[in-house]
């Protein structure tokens, strides 16, 4: 079983930066990891993903050039550095893990097997 715990959310102003962290328990070193976000009443939206090795990165067009996903050295932590935040980035952000040996990242939430509880990011104008 894998447990994911996100942290780092908060209330910031437009143009500010935040770094989200997601720490996974269990044997996740070969898992791909992703970040998704959701606003109440809307579909969950893909944000970014990273392959097990960290060599392949995936971004939604809406965050490309502003957000950076990365893995910690032990590969059980994934970060989402968010720069130049906009009010449209306001959402609950979820970390997800895609199991499988040497997994690649995915844009699709249904391909992830484990999810964190989410962390709120609010960007004021």
Foldseek 3Di string as FASTA:
>chain_A
DKAKAKDWADEEAAQAKIKMKIAMDDDQLQKKKFKWWDDPPDDIFGAKIAWSVRPDIDGDPVQPPFWDWGADPSSRMIMIIGGRDDQVPWTWMKMFIQDDGRGGIDRDPVNTDDIYPTDTHGYHD
